[in-house]
Amino acid sequence: MTQTRRNYHSHSSRALLFAGLAGCVISSLNALAAPTAYVPNEKSGTVSVIDTSGVQPQTTITVSKRPRGIAASPDGRWLYLTDAQSNSLVLVNTAKGTVERQVPLGESPEGIYTSADGKRIAVAVEGSNSVVLLDAASLSKQAEIKVQGKNPEHAVFSPDGRWLYVSAEEAEQVDVIDLASGRQAGQIAVGKRPRGIAFLPDGSRAYIACELAGKVYVVDTAARKVLAEIPLGINPNGVAMDPAGRRVYVSNGKDGTVNAIDTVDNRVVATIEVGKRPWNMALTPDGKRLYVANGRSGSVSVIDTETLAKTQDIPVGELPWGVVIR
């Protein structure tokens, strides 16, 4: 009996050891797994799912009638989309590839963004000229805040989560919302039709693309004043910030190009040809690749940010609106 007990304990210890080692290997593989790019296709009513390592084939999730804006939870478990047909937020389970819930937002919701901590969601709602704030855990509405710009398109959190910068199609300013008070706290004069917005990682500056002005405006966020105006291509639109804050990228809708800007001297260092009507974009977490949604090409262009060259075009659905990567 004693020998049997010893053998039993020995086998149990080995099993626990192997189970622990297997768990470590799985955790390591998960940590090393390439992030996933998600692309909402407005006309197709789908989201294209792209493995950024290029190893797995692309898949598609049917989500709604007209998905536009897209955001994701920090852990990548959930996608949040705005749907222009149902005027709602659509919650997608990324593991299952299924729609779990829809939440009414108001007429014609556009851009959707999460705070850095993943606890809050902001949605620009064109029809009501407002921003809707939601609790990410419950998807309950916390506030609806009116803004001065008409047809707001983007509502982007500052890195510290204190402010929202809101751009609108019919505006020559960016509206600034104080999230503590839930009110508009001011505005910053920029060019006509402000579109995409991105902050430096420390929040000290914001880069705002103004479509009809053909420029990006560099804003000192503490002073709420424009520091520089950078001429770009025709109809600059989407903006994406390098995670290290060294470069910012801006898409030019009519030119079919992306400009890379050095944030040290605010100088354009490259112009990269992509597809037709490039719109919103996203960088991989390491900042090495930029994924650009080309609305009229039905594709996503991938840019190597070290060589500043396009490496491939990936076919997606019709009218891709943007990209989020987790």
Foldseek 3Di string as FASTA:
>chain_A
DVVVVVVVVVVVVVVVVVVVVVVVVVVVVVVVQAWWKWWQAFQVQKIWIGRVVNPDDIDIARWGHGWFAWEAAPVRQWIWTAHQVQQWIWIAGPVVSDTDDTGHDEHGKAYKYAAPNRQKIWIQHQVQQWIWIAGRVVRDTPDTEHDDAHAWHYWDAQNVRQWTWIFHQADQWTFIAGPVVRYTPDIAGHGHRWAAWDAQNVRQWIWIDHQCVQWIFIAGVVVSYTPDTGHHDHGWHAWEAQNNRQWIWIAHQQVQWIWIAGPVVRHTDDIEHHAHRWHYWYAGNNRQWIWIDHQQVQWIWIAGVVVRYTDDIGHHGHRTNYMDID
